[in-house]
Amino acid sequence: MLDESPIVKLGAVNNLSDARWAAAAGINLLGFSFNPDNPSYVAPDKAAEIINWMTGPLLVGEFNGDIAELMLNMQERLNLDYIQLNDYKPNIWSSISEHCSIIQHVEVIDLAQLDKIVQDIANAKNAPELWIIACKDFTNVELDFRIKLQDIIEMSNVLLQVSDFKADAIKVQELYMPLGFHFIGGDEEQPGMKDFDELEIDMDIVEKIKSNKA
């Protein structure tokens, strides 16, 4: 599934409406936050219920902290395809990657962070299979920042988390040519009711990017 492009991930899903919409829309990766401090936290039992009612996307468990055993137990319990690390913890890549593919999420604000990522990808034997890189504004950055991010995208599989996807997606795609994009789900107005126009994602733009790359 990750051979196609652009890849789209919807994260922090906490309701069946988002999950079913994602499956119908052709979303590639569906993430559930298991961080109790996250407003979009979903209890494991509820995540299991949602998973049982939908098919299609690969499943991602989104975690904070560095307790690999806890993450792997959840991965086995829910049959997750990926473990996503929201904290930058290269020290646990190896212990997790022996059992499950890793997604590393990181929010970058300066060139030094990108330099560190390049070094870790080059030096680690068990670097994450997929990266999610978030930035407040990918279009208004220094040239050195842009070049270094382009280097990372050439080295690894990268999804970009864009602050204003509907306004900037086409330009960001042309500048960086990432594997795809990452978005965050939202809450239901009430069970079974959701205004999907409020989502950051616009699948018409995704299809336009796809047709431009064909």
N, C-alpha and C. Protein backbone atom coordinates (compact mmCIF):
# COMPACT_ATOMS: atom_id res chain seq x y z
N MET A 1 0.82 -1.21 0.00
CA MET A 1 0.00 0.00 0.00
C MET A 1 0.85 1.26 0.00
N LEU A 2 2.06 1.19 0.57
CA LEU A 2 2.92 2.35 0.62
C LEU A 2 3.73 2.54 -0.65
N ASP A 3 3.45 1.73 -1.67
CA ASP A 3 4.12 1.90 -2.95
C ASP A 3 3.47 3.01 -3.77
N GLU A 4 2.20 3.31 -3.48
CA GLU A 4 1.51 4.35 -4.21
C GLU A 4 1.86 5.72 -3.62
N SER A 5 1.52 6.78 -4.33
CA SER A 5 1.83 8.12 -3.86
C SER A 5 0.80 9.09 -4.43
N PRO A 6 0.35 10.08 -3.65
CA PRO A 6 0.78 10.35 -2.28
C PRO A 6 0.09 9.44 -1.25
N ILE A 7 0.86 9.08 -0.23
CA ILE A 7 0.33 8.34 0.91
C ILE A 7 -0.34 9.34 1.85
N VAL A 8 -1.48 8.97 2.39
CA VAL A 8 -2.19 9.85 3.31
C VAL A 8 -2.44 9.12 4.62
N LYS A 9 -2.08 9.77 5.73
CA LYS A 9 -2.34 9.22 7.06
C LYS A 9 -3.27 10.15 7.82
N LEU A 10 -4.28 9.58 8.44
CA LEU A 10 -5.17 10.31 9.33
C LEU A 10 -4.89 9.82 10.74
N GLY A 11 -4.45 10.72 11.60
CA GLY A 11 -4.06 10.34 12.94
C GLY A 11 -5.03 10.82 14.00
N ALA A 12 -4.82 10.34 15.23
CA ALA A 12 -5.62 10.73 16.39
C ALA A 12 -7.11 10.48 16.16
N VAL A 13 -7.42 9.37 15.50
CA VAL A 13 -8.82 9.02 15.26
C VAL A 13 -9.44 8.49 16.55
N ASN A 14 -10.59 9.01 16.91
CA ASN A 14 -11.23 8.56 18.16
C ASN A 14 -12.71 8.25 17.99
N ASN A 15 -13.16 8.09 16.73
CA ASN A 15 -14.57 7.80 16.52
C ASN A 15 -14.75 7.01 15.23
N LEU A 16 -15.84 6.27 15.17
CA LEU A 16 -16.12 5.41 14.02
C LEU A 16 -16.42 6.22 12.76
N SER A 17 -16.99 7.41 12.89
CA SER A 17 -17.30 8.23 11.72
C SER A 17 -16.04 8.56 10.94
N ASP A 18 -14.99 9.01 11.65
CA ASP A 18 -13.72 9.31 10.99
C ASP A 18 -13.14 8.07 10.34
N ALA A 19 -13.20 6.95 11.06
CA ALA A 19 -12.60 5.71 10.55
C ALA A 19 -13.29 5.24 9.29
N ARG A 20 -14.61 5.25 9.29
CA ARG A 20 -15.35 4.82 8.10
C ARG A 20 -15.13 5.77 6.93
N TRP A 21 -15.11 7.06 7.22
CA TRP A 21 -14.85 8.04 6.16
C TRP A 21 -13.46 7.80 5.56
N ALA A 22 -12.48 7.57 6.41
CA ALA A 22 -11.11 7.35 5.95
C ALA A 22 -11.03 6.12 5.06
N ALA A 23 -11.69 5.04 5.47
CA ALA A 23 -11.67 3.81 4.67
C ALA A 23 -12.32 4.04 3.31
N ALA A 24 -13.45 4.75 3.29
CA ALA A 24 -14.14 5.00 2.03
C ALA A 24 -13.36 5.95 1.13
N ALA A 25 -12.61 6.88 1.74
CA ALA A 25 -11.87 7.88 0.96
C ALA A 25 -10.53 7.35 0.44
N GLY A 26 -10.14 6.16 0.88
CA GLY A 26 -8.88 5.59 0.41
C GLY A 26 -7.66 6.03 1.22
N ILE A 27 -7.89 6.47 2.47
CA ILE A 27 -6.77 6.83 3.35
C ILE A 27 -5.91 5.59 3.57
N ASN A 28 -4.60 5.77 3.52
CA ASN A 28 -3.67 4.63 3.60
C ASN A 28 -3.39 4.16 5.02
N LEU A 29 -3.26 5.12 5.94
CA LEU A 29 -2.86 4.83 7.31
C LEU A 29 -3.83 5.51 8.28
N LEU A 30 -4.24 4.76 9.29
CA LEU A 30 -5.19 5.27 10.28
C LEU A 30 -4.56 5.13 11.66
N GLY A 31 -4.45 6.26 12.38
CA GLY A 31 -3.76 6.25 13.66
C GLY A 31 -4.67 6.49 14.85
N PHE A 32 -4.36 5.82 15.96
CA PHE A 32 -5.10 5.97 17.21
C PHE A 32 -4.12 6.42 18.30
N SER A 33 -4.47 7.50 19.00
CA SER A 33 -3.59 8.01 20.05
C SER A 33 -3.84 7.25 21.35
N PHE A 34 -2.79 6.64 21.86
CA PHE A 34 -2.87 5.95 23.14
C PHE A 34 -2.13 6.73 24.24
N ASN A 35 -2.03 8.04 24.04
CA ASN A 35 -1.46 8.93 25.05
C ASN A 35 -2.61 9.53 25.86
N PRO A 36 -2.76 9.15 27.14
CA PRO A 36 -3.90 9.63 27.94
C PRO A 36 -3.96 11.15 28.05
N ASP A 37 -2.83 11.84 27.85
CA ASP A 37 -2.82 13.30 27.94
C ASP A 37 -3.27 13.98 26.65
N ASN A 38 -3.45 13.20 25.59
CA ASN A 38 -3.89 13.75 24.32
C ASN A 38 -5.42 13.91 24.35
N PRO A 39 -5.95 15.07 23.97
CA PRO A 39 -7.41 15.24 23.94
C PRO A 39 -8.11 14.22 23.04
N SER A 40 -7.38 13.67 22.08
CA SER A 40 -7.95 12.68 21.17
C SER A 40 -7.65 11.25 21.59
N TYR A 41 -7.22 11.08 22.84
CA TYR A 41 -6.93 9.74 23.36
C TYR A 41 -8.12 8.81 23.14
N VAL A 42 -7.82 7.59 22.73
CA VAL A 42 -8.87 6.58 22.59
C VAL A 42 -8.47 5.37 23.43
N ALA A 43 -9.40 4.89 24.23
CA ALA A 43 -9.14 3.71 25.06
C ALA A 43 -8.96 2.50 24.16
N PRO A 44 -8.09 1.56 24.55
CA PRO A 44 -7.85 0.38 23.71
C PRO A 44 -9.11 -0.38 23.33
N ASP A 45 -10.06 -0.53 24.27
CA ASP A 45 -11.29 -1.26 23.95
C ASP A 45 -12.10 -0.53 22.88
N LYS A 46 -12.14 0.80 22.96
CA LYS A 46 -12.87 1.56 21.94
C LYS A 46 -12.16 1.48 20.60
N ALA A 47 -10.82 1.54 20.62
CA ALA A 47 -10.06 1.40 19.37
C ALA A 47 -10.36 0.05 18.73
N ALA A 48 -10.43 -0.99 19.54
CA ALA A 48 -10.73 -2.32 19.01
C ALA A 48 -12.11 -2.36 18.37
N GLU A 49 -13.08 -1.70 18.98
CA GLU A 49 -14.42 -1.65 18.40
C GLU A 49 -14.41 -0.95 17.05
N ILE A 50 -13.71 0.17 16.98
CA ILE A 50 -13.62 0.92 15.71
C ILE A 50 -12.96 0.07 14.64
N ILE A 51 -11.87 -0.58 15.00
CA ILE A 51 -11.12 -1.40 14.04
C ILE A 51 -11.99 -2.53 13.51
N ASN A 52 -12.79 -3.11 14.37
CA ASN A 52 -13.64 -4.23 13.97
C ASN A 52 -14.75 -3.83 13.00
N TRP A 53 -15.05 -2.53 12.94
CA TRP A 53 -16.13 -2.06 12.09
C TRP A 53 -15.64 -1.49 10.76
N MET A 54 -14.34 -1.52 10.50
CA MET A 54 -13.85 -0.96 9.25
C MET A 54 -12.70 -1.79 8.70
N THR A 55 -12.48 -1.68 7.40
CA THR A 55 -11.36 -2.35 6.73
C THR A 55 -10.73 -1.39 5.74
N GLY A 56 -9.49 -1.67 5.42
CA GLY A 56 -8.82 -0.88 4.38
C GLY A 56 -7.48 -0.32 4.83
N PRO A 57 -7.48 0.78 5.63
CA PRO A 57 -6.22 1.40 6.00
C PRO A 57 -5.34 0.52 6.88
N LEU A 58 -4.04 0.71 6.78
CA LEU A 58 -3.12 0.11 7.74
C LEU A 58 -3.29 0.82 9.08
N LEU A 59 -3.07 0.10 10.17
CA LEU A 59 -3.38 0.61 11.51
C LEU A 59 -2.11 1.04 12.24
N VAL A 60 -2.21 2.19 12.89
CA VAL A 60 -1.06 2.79 13.58
C VAL A 60 -1.44 3.10 15.02
N GLY A 61 -0.60 2.67 15.95
CA GLY A 61 -0.73 3.07 17.34
C GLY A 61 0.21 4.22 17.62
N GLU A 62 -0.32 5.33 18.12
CA GLU A 62 0.47 6.54 18.36
C GLU A 62 0.78 6.65 19.85
N PHE A 63 2.08 6.71 20.19
CA PHE A 63 2.49 6.64 21.59
C PHE A 63 3.45 7.77 21.94
N ASN A 64 3.41 8.17 23.21
CA ASN A 64 4.43 9.03 23.80
C ASN A 64 5.20 8.20 24.82
N GLY A 65 6.39 8.71 25.18
CA GLY A 65 7.20 8.01 26.16
C GLY A 65 8.17 7.04 25.51
N ASP A 66 8.76 6.18 26.33
CA ASP A 66 9.81 5.30 25.82
C ASP A 66 9.69 3.87 26.37
N ILE A 67 8.48 3.47 26.76
CA ILE A 67 8.30 2.11 27.29
C ILE A 67 7.91 1.20 26.12
N ALA A 68 8.91 0.59 25.52
CA ALA A 68 8.70 -0.22 24.32
C ALA A 68 7.77 -1.39 24.59
N GLU A 69 7.88 -2.01 25.77
CA GLU A 69 7.07 -3.18 26.08
C GLU A 69 5.58 -2.85 26.05
N LEU A 70 5.22 -1.68 26.60
CA LEU A 70 3.82 -1.26 26.59
C LEU A 70 3.32 -1.10 25.16
N MET A 71 4.13 -0.48 24.33
CA MET A 71 3.75 -0.26 22.93
C MET A 71 3.58 -1.58 22.18
N LEU A 72 4.50 -2.49 22.40
CA LEU A 72 4.44 -3.77 21.70
C LEU A 72 3.27 -4.62 22.18
N ASN A 73 2.93 -4.51 23.46
CA ASN A 73 1.77 -5.23 23.96
C ASN A 73 0.49 -4.73 23.29
N MET A 74 0.39 -3.42 23.12
CA MET A 74 -0.77 -2.85 22.45
C MET A 74 -0.78 -3.23 20.97
N GLN A 75 0.39 -3.24 20.37
CA GLN A 75 0.50 -3.62 18.96
C GLN A 75 0.00 -5.05 18.75
N GLU A 76 0.37 -5.94 19.64
CA GLU A 76 -0.07 -7.33 19.52
C GLU A 76 -1.56 -7.47 19.81
N ARG A 77 -2.03 -6.75 20.80
CA ARG A 77 -3.44 -6.84 21.19
C ARG A 77 -4.37 -6.40 20.06
N LEU A 78 -4.00 -5.31 19.34
CA LEU A 78 -4.87 -4.74 18.31
C LEU A 78 -4.42 -5.08 16.90
N ASN A 79 -3.33 -5.87 16.80
CA ASN A 79 -2.81 -6.25 15.48
C ASN A 79 -2.48 -5.01 14.65
N LEU A 80 -1.72 -4.09 15.25
CA LEU A 80 -1.35 -2.85 14.59
C LEU A 80 -0.23 -3.10 13.58
N ASP A 81 -0.27 -2.34 12.49
CA ASP A 81 0.77 -2.46 11.46
C ASP A 81 1.99 -1.62 11.77
N TYR A 82 1.79 -0.52 12.49
CA TYR A 82 2.89 0.39 12.82
C TYR A 82 2.76 0.88 14.26
N ILE A 83 3.92 1.15 14.86
CA ILE A 83 3.98 1.90 16.11
C ILE A 83 4.56 3.27 15.78
N GLN A 84 3.82 4.31 16.14
CA GLN A 84 4.29 5.68 15.91
C GLN A 84 4.82 6.26 17.20
N LEU A 85 6.04 6.77 17.16
CA LEU A 85 6.66 7.42 18.31
C LEU A 85 6.48 8.92 18.17
N ASN A 86 5.75 9.54 19.09
CA ASN A 86 5.56 10.98 19.05
C ASN A 86 6.67 11.72 19.78
N ASP A 87 7.41 11.01 20.62
CA ASP A 87 8.63 11.56 21.22
C ASP A 87 9.82 11.00 20.45
N TYR A 88 10.84 11.83 20.32
CA TYR A 88 12.01 11.41 19.54
C TYR A 88 12.91 10.54 20.41
N LYS A 89 12.81 9.22 20.23
CA LYS A 89 13.49 8.25 21.08
C LYS A 89 14.27 7.23 20.26
N PRO A 90 15.38 7.63 19.63
CA PRO A 90 16.17 6.66 18.85
C PRO A 90 16.66 5.48 19.66
N ASN A 91 16.75 5.65 20.99
CA ASN A 91 17.26 4.56 21.84
C ASN A 91 16.33 3.35 21.88
N ILE A 92 15.05 3.51 21.49
CA ILE A 92 14.15 2.35 21.51
C ILE A 92 13.78 1.86 20.10
N TRP A 93 14.37 2.46 19.07
CA TRP A 93 14.06 2.02 17.71
C TRP A 93 14.35 0.53 17.54
N SER A 94 15.51 0.11 18.02
CA SER A 94 15.94 -1.26 17.78
C SER A 94 15.00 -2.27 18.45
N SER A 95 14.63 -2.02 19.71
CA SER A 95 13.81 -2.99 20.43
C SER A 95 12.40 -3.08 19.84
N ILE A 96 11.91 -2.00 19.23
CA ILE A 96 10.59 -2.03 18.62
C ILE A 96 10.64 -2.62 17.22
N SER A 97 11.63 -2.21 16.44
CA SER A 97 11.68 -2.61 15.02
C SER A 97 11.88 -4.11 14.84
N GLU A 98 12.35 -4.80 15.87
CA GLU A 98 12.47 -6.26 15.79
C GLU A 98 11.10 -6.94 15.69
N HIS A 99 10.05 -6.20 16.10
CA HIS A 99 8.71 -6.78 16.16
C HIS A 99 7.69 -6.04 15.30
N CYS A 100 7.91 -4.77 15.04
CA CYS A 100 6.90 -3.96 14.37
C CYS A 100 7.58 -2.78 13.66
N SER A 101 7.01 -2.39 12.53
CA SER A 101 7.54 -1.22 11.80
C SER A 101 7.26 0.06 12.59
N ILE A 102 8.17 1.02 12.44
CA ILE A 102 8.11 2.26 13.22
C ILE A 102 7.81 3.45 12.32
N ILE A 103 6.96 4.34 12.84
CA ILE A 103 6.80 5.68 12.29
C ILE A 103 7.32 6.65 13.34
N GLN A 104 8.22 7.54 12.95
CA GLN A 104 8.73 8.55 13.88
C GLN A 104 8.13 9.90 13.53
N HIS A 105 7.42 10.50 14.49
CA HIS A 105 6.85 11.83 14.30
C HIS A 105 7.79 12.85 14.95
N VAL A 106 8.04 13.95 14.25
CA VAL A 106 8.89 15.00 14.82
C VAL A 106 8.44 16.35 14.28
N GLU A 107 8.38 17.32 15.16
CA GLU A 107 8.07 18.69 14.76
C GLU A 107 9.37 19.47 14.73
N VAL A 108 9.71 20.02 13.58
CA VAL A 108 11.01 20.68 13.41
C VAL A 108 10.83 22.20 13.39
N ILE A 109 11.78 22.87 14.03
CA ILE A 109 11.75 24.33 14.04
C ILE A 109 13.07 24.94 13.58
N ASP A 110 14.12 24.10 13.47
CA ASP A 110 15.40 24.68 13.05
C ASP A 110 16.24 23.64 12.31
N LEU A 111 17.31 24.12 11.71
CA LEU A 111 18.20 23.29 10.90
C LEU A 111 18.90 22.23 11.73
N ALA A 112 19.20 22.55 12.99
CA ALA A 112 19.91 21.59 13.85
C ALA A 112 19.11 20.29 14.01
N GLN A 113 17.80 20.40 14.12
CA GLN A 113 16.97 19.20 14.24
C GLN A 113 17.06 18.35 12.98
N LEU A 114 17.04 18.99 11.83
CA LEU A 114 17.14 18.25 10.58
C LEU A 114 18.50 17.58 10.46
N ASP A 115 19.56 18.26 10.89
CA ASP A 115 20.90 17.66 10.87
C ASP A 115 20.94 16.40 11.73
N LYS A 116 20.28 16.47 12.90
CA LYS A 116 20.26 15.31 13.81
C LYS A 116 19.51 14.14 13.16
N ILE A 117 18.42 14.43 12.48
CA ILE A 117 17.65 13.37 11.81
C ILE A 117 18.49 12.71 10.73
N VAL A 118 19.19 13.50 9.94
CA VAL A 118 20.05 12.96 8.88
C VAL A 118 21.10 12.03 9.48
N GLN A 119 21.73 12.45 10.58
CA GLN A 119 22.75 11.62 11.23
C GLN A 119 22.16 10.32 11.75
N ASP A 120 20.99 10.41 12.36
CA ASP A 120 20.37 9.21 12.95
C ASP A 120 19.93 8.23 11.87
N ILE A 121 19.39 8.74 10.77
CA ILE A 121 19.01 7.85 9.67
C ILE A 121 20.23 7.15 9.10
N ALA A 122 21.33 7.89 8.96
CA ALA A 122 22.54 7.34 8.37
C ALA A 122 23.22 6.33 9.29
N ASN A 123 23.14 6.55 10.60
CA ASN A 123 23.91 5.74 11.54
C ASN A 123 23.13 4.60 12.18
N ALA A 124 21.81 4.72 12.24
CA ALA A 124 21.02 3.70 12.93
C ALA A 124 20.76 2.50 12.04
N LYS A 125 20.93 1.30 12.61
CA LYS A 125 20.64 0.08 11.85
C LYS A 125 19.14 -0.17 11.74
N ASN A 126 18.39 0.39 12.68
CA ASN A 126 16.95 0.15 12.72
C ASN A 126 16.18 1.46 12.70
N ALA A 127 16.52 2.33 11.75
CA ALA A 127 15.83 3.60 11.63
C ALA A 127 14.37 3.37 11.24
N PRO A 128 13.48 4.28 11.61
CA PRO A 128 12.06 4.12 11.28
C PRO A 128 11.82 3.95 9.79
N GLU A 129 10.79 3.15 9.49
CA GLU A 129 10.42 2.94 8.08
C GLU A 129 9.79 4.18 7.49
N LEU A 130 9.10 4.94 8.34
CA LEU A 130 8.36 6.10 7.86
C LEU A 130 8.54 7.25 8.85
N TRP A 131 8.65 8.47 8.32
CA TRP A 131 8.77 9.66 9.14
C TRP A 131 7.59 10.58 8.88
N ILE A 132 7.12 11.22 9.95
CA ILE A 132 6.17 12.32 9.81
C ILE A 132 6.88 13.57 10.32
N ILE A 133 7.06 14.52 9.45
CA ILE A 133 7.74 15.76 9.81
C ILE A 133 6.74 16.91 9.74
N ALA A 134 6.57 17.56 10.89
CA ALA A 134 5.65 18.70 10.98
C ALA A 134 6.46 19.99 11.06
N CYS A 135 5.91 21.03 10.45
CA CYS A 135 6.56 22.34 10.48
C CYS A 135 5.47 23.40 10.37
N LYS A 136 5.65 24.49 11.06
CA LYS A 136 4.63 25.55 11.05
C LYS A 136 4.43 26.10 9.65
N ASP A 137 5.53 26.23 8.89
CA ASP A 137 5.42 26.77 7.54
C ASP A 137 6.56 26.21 6.70
N PHE A 138 6.25 25.26 5.82
CA PHE A 138 7.28 24.66 4.97
C PHE A 138 7.68 25.57 3.81
N THR A 139 6.89 26.57 3.52
CA THR A 139 7.16 27.39 2.33
C THR A 139 8.03 28.60 2.63
N ASN A 140 8.01 29.07 3.87
CA ASN A 140 8.76 30.27 4.23
C ASN A 140 9.93 29.89 5.15
N VAL A 141 10.92 29.20 4.56
CA VAL A 141 12.09 28.74 5.33
C VAL A 141 13.36 29.12 4.59
N GLU A 142 14.49 29.08 5.33
CA GLU A 142 15.78 29.37 4.72
C GLU A 142 16.15 28.26 3.73
N LEU A 143 16.98 28.61 2.76
CA LEU A 143 17.38 27.66 1.72
C LEU A 143 18.06 26.44 2.32
N ASP A 144 18.94 26.63 3.33
CA ASP A 144 19.63 25.50 3.94
C ASP A 144 18.65 24.52 4.58
N PHE A 145 17.60 25.06 5.20
CA PHE A 145 16.55 24.23 5.81
C PHE A 145 15.85 23.41 4.74
N ARG A 146 15.51 24.05 3.66
CA ARG A 146 14.80 23.38 2.57
C ARG A 146 15.64 22.27 1.96
N ILE A 147 16.91 22.55 1.74
CA ILE A 147 17.80 21.55 1.14
C ILE A 147 17.97 20.36 2.06
N LYS A 148 18.13 20.62 3.36
CA LYS A 148 18.32 19.52 4.32
C LYS A 148 17.06 18.66 4.40
N LEU A 149 15.90 19.28 4.37
CA LEU A 149 14.66 18.50 4.40
C LEU A 149 14.52 17.68 3.12
N GLN A 150 14.91 18.24 2.01
CA GLN A 150 14.89 17.49 0.75
C GLN A 150 15.84 16.29 0.83
N ASP A 151 16.97 16.46 1.50
CA ASP A 151 17.90 15.34 1.69
C ASP A 151 17.24 14.21 2.48
N ILE A 152 16.52 14.57 3.55
CA ILE A 152 15.85 13.56 4.37
C ILE A 152 14.80 12.82 3.55
N ILE A 153 14.06 13.55 2.73
CA ILE A 153 13.03 12.94 1.90
C ILE A 153 13.63 11.98 0.88
N GLU A 154 14.83 12.28 0.42
CA GLU A 154 15.52 11.37 -0.50
C GLU A 154 16.05 10.14 0.23
N MET A 155 16.38 10.29 1.51
CA MET A 155 16.95 9.19 2.29
C MET A 155 15.90 8.23 2.82
N SER A 156 14.70 8.72 3.07
CA SER A 156 13.71 7.91 3.77
C SER A 156 12.31 8.22 3.25
N ASN A 157 11.32 7.49 3.78
CA ASN A 157 9.92 7.73 3.44
C ASN A 157 9.37 8.79 4.38
N VAL A 158 8.90 9.91 3.83
CA VAL A 158 8.50 11.04 4.66
C VAL A 158 7.10 11.52 4.28
N LEU A 159 6.27 11.66 5.33
CA LEU A 159 5.00 12.35 5.20
C LEU A 159 5.15 13.72 5.86
N LEU A 160 4.63 14.75 5.24
CA LEU A 160 4.69 16.09 5.82
C LEU A 160 3.35 16.45 6.44
N GLN A 161 3.43 17.09 7.61
CA GLN A 161 2.24 17.60 8.28
C GLN A 161 2.21 19.10 8.08
N VAL A 162 1.30 19.54 7.22
CA VAL A 162 1.24 20.94 6.78
C VAL A 162 0.18 21.68 7.58
N SER A 163 0.52 22.87 8.07
CA SER A 163 -0.41 23.62 8.92
C SER A 163 -1.68 24.00 8.17
N ASP A 164 -1.53 24.45 6.93
CA ASP A 164 -2.69 24.86 6.13
C ASP A 164 -2.65 24.08 4.82
N PHE A 165 -3.15 22.85 4.87
CA PHE A 165 -3.04 21.97 3.72
C PHE A 165 -3.76 22.53 2.50
N LYS A 166 -4.95 23.02 2.69
CA LYS A 166 -5.75 23.48 1.55
C LYS A 166 -5.09 24.65 0.83
N ALA A 167 -4.35 25.47 1.57
CA ALA A 167 -3.68 26.62 0.96
C ALA A 167 -2.30 26.29 0.40
N ASP A 168 -1.57 25.38 1.06
CA ASP A 168 -0.15 25.20 0.76
C ASP A 168 0.23 23.86 0.16
N ALA A 169 -0.69 22.90 0.09
CA ALA A 169 -0.32 21.53 -0.28
C ALA A 169 0.36 21.44 -1.64
N ILE A 170 -0.19 22.08 -2.64
CA ILE A 170 0.37 21.98 -3.98
C ILE A 170 1.79 22.54 -4.01
N LYS A 171 1.99 23.69 -3.38
CA LYS A 171 3.33 24.30 -3.36
C LYS A 171 4.32 23.44 -2.58
N VAL A 172 3.88 22.90 -1.44
CA VAL A 172 4.75 22.04 -0.63
C VAL A 172 5.12 20.78 -1.40
N GLN A 173 4.17 20.20 -2.10
CA GLN A 173 4.46 19.01 -2.91
C GLN A 173 5.48 19.32 -3.99
N GLU A 174 5.35 20.46 -4.64
CA GLU A 174 6.29 20.83 -5.70
C GLU A 174 7.68 21.11 -5.14
N LEU A 175 7.76 21.70 -3.93
CA LEU A 175 9.05 22.03 -3.34
C LEU A 175 9.81 20.80 -2.85
N TYR A 176 9.09 19.84 -2.23
CA TYR A 176 9.76 18.77 -1.51
C TYR A 176 9.52 17.36 -2.07
N MET A 177 8.43 17.16 -2.77
CA MET A 177 8.09 15.84 -3.30
C MET A 177 8.11 14.77 -2.21
N PRO A 178 7.36 14.96 -1.11
CA PRO A 178 7.31 13.93 -0.06
C PRO A 178 6.52 12.72 -0.53
N LEU A 179 6.62 11.65 0.25
CA LEU A 179 5.82 10.46 -0.06
C LEU A 179 4.34 10.75 0.10
N GLY A 180 3.99 11.68 1.01
CA GLY A 180 2.59 12.00 1.23
C GLY A 180 2.41 12.98 2.37
N PHE A 181 1.22 12.92 2.99
CA PHE A 181 0.86 13.92 4.01
C PHE A 181 0.16 13.26 5.20
N HIS A 182 0.28 13.94 6.33
CA HIS A 182 -0.32 13.48 7.58
C HIS A 182 -1.31 14.52 8.08
N PHE A 183 -2.46 14.04 8.57
CA PHE A 183 -3.50 14.91 9.08
C PHE A 183 -3.99 14.40 10.43
N ILE A 184 -4.73 15.26 11.12
CA ILE A 184 -5.28 14.92 12.42
C ILE A 184 -6.80 14.85 12.32
N GLY A 185 -7.38 13.81 12.91
CA GLY A 185 -8.83 13.68 12.94
C GLY A 185 -9.45 14.66 13.93
N GLY A 186 -10.74 14.55 14.11
CA GLY A 186 -11.44 15.44 15.02
C GLY A 186 -12.56 14.71 15.74
N ASP A 187 -13.24 15.42 16.61
CA ASP A 187 -14.31 14.82 17.40
C ASP A 187 -15.63 14.82 16.62
N GLU A 188 -16.48 13.88 16.97
CA GLU A 188 -17.84 13.88 16.44
C GLU A 188 -18.66 14.95 17.16
N GLU A 189 -19.63 15.53 16.44
CA GLU A 189 -20.55 16.45 17.08
C GLU A 189 -21.40 15.70 18.09
N GLN A 190 -21.82 14.52 17.71
CA GLN A 190 -22.46 13.54 18.57
C GLN A 190 -22.30 12.20 17.89
N PRO A 191 -22.51 11.09 18.59
CA PRO A 191 -22.25 9.79 17.97
C PRO A 191 -22.93 9.63 16.61
N GLY A 192 -22.11 9.35 15.61
CA GLY A 192 -22.63 9.14 14.26
C GLY A 192 -22.79 10.39 13.44
N MET A 193 -22.50 11.58 14.02
CA MET A 193 -22.65 12.84 13.29
C MET A 193 -21.31 13.57 13.23
N LYS A 194 -20.89 13.95 12.00
CA LYS A 194 -19.59 14.58 11.82
C LYS A 194 -19.63 15.47 10.58
N ASP A 195 -19.09 16.68 10.71
CA ASP A 195 -18.95 17.58 9.57
C ASP A 195 -17.54 17.39 8.99
N PHE A 196 -17.42 16.61 7.93
CA PHE A 196 -16.11 16.28 7.39
C PHE A 196 -15.47 17.45 6.65
N ASP A 197 -16.24 18.50 6.37
CA ASP A 197 -15.66 19.69 5.75
C ASP A 197 -14.70 20.39 6.70
N GLU A 198 -14.81 20.09 8.01
CA GLU A 198 -13.94 20.73 8.99
C GLU A 198 -12.57 20.05 9.07
N LEU A 199 -12.41 18.90 8.47
CA LEU A 199 -11.11 18.23 8.47
C LEU A 199 -10.09 19.05 7.68
N GLU A 200 -8.82 18.97 8.10
CA GLU A 200 -7.76 19.67 7.41
C GLU A 200 -7.58 19.15 5.98
N ILE A 201 -7.90 17.89 5.79
CA ILE A 201 -7.60 17.23 4.53
C ILE A 201 -8.63 17.60 3.45
N ASP A 202 -8.15 17.65 2.22
CA ASP A 202 -9.02 17.86 1.06
C ASP A 202 -8.62 16.80 0.03
N MET A 203 -9.45 15.77 -0.12
CA MET A 203 -9.09 14.67 -1.00
C MET A 203 -9.05 15.09 -2.47
N ASP A 204 -9.74 16.17 -2.83
CA ASP A 204 -9.65 16.68 -4.21
C ASP A 204 -8.23 17.16 -4.49
N ILE A 205 -7.61 17.80 -3.50
CA ILE A 205 -6.22 18.25 -3.67
C ILE A 205 -5.29 17.05 -3.73
N VAL A 206 -5.55 16.04 -2.90
CA VAL A 206 -4.74 14.82 -2.94
C VAL A 206 -4.80 14.19 -4.33
N GLU A 207 -6.00 14.11 -4.89
CA GLU A 207 -6.15 13.53 -6.23
C GLU A 207 -5.44 14.38 -7.28
N LYS A 208 -5.45 15.69 -7.11
CA LYS A 208 -4.74 16.57 -8.04
C LYS A 208 -3.24 16.33 -7.98
N ILE A 209 -2.71 16.17 -6.76
CA ILE A 209 -1.29 15.87 -6.61
C ILE A 209 -0.97 14.53 -7.26
N LYS A 210 -1.85 13.55 -7.06
CA LYS A 210 -1.64 12.24 -7.64
C LYS A 210 -1.61 12.30 -9.17
N SER A 211 -2.54 13.06 -9.75
CA SER A 211 -2.59 13.16 -11.21
C SER A 211 -1.40 13.93 -11.75
N ASN A 212 -0.89 14.90 -11.00
CA ASN A 212 0.29 15.65 -11.44
C ASN A 212 1.55 14.79 -11.45
N LYS A 213 1.58 13.76 -10.56
CA LYS A 213 2.75 12.88 -10.47
C LYS A 213 2.69 11.73 -11.46
N ALA A 214 1.50 11.50 -12.02
CA ALA A 214 1.32 10.36 -12.93
C ALA A 214 2.08 10.58 -14.24
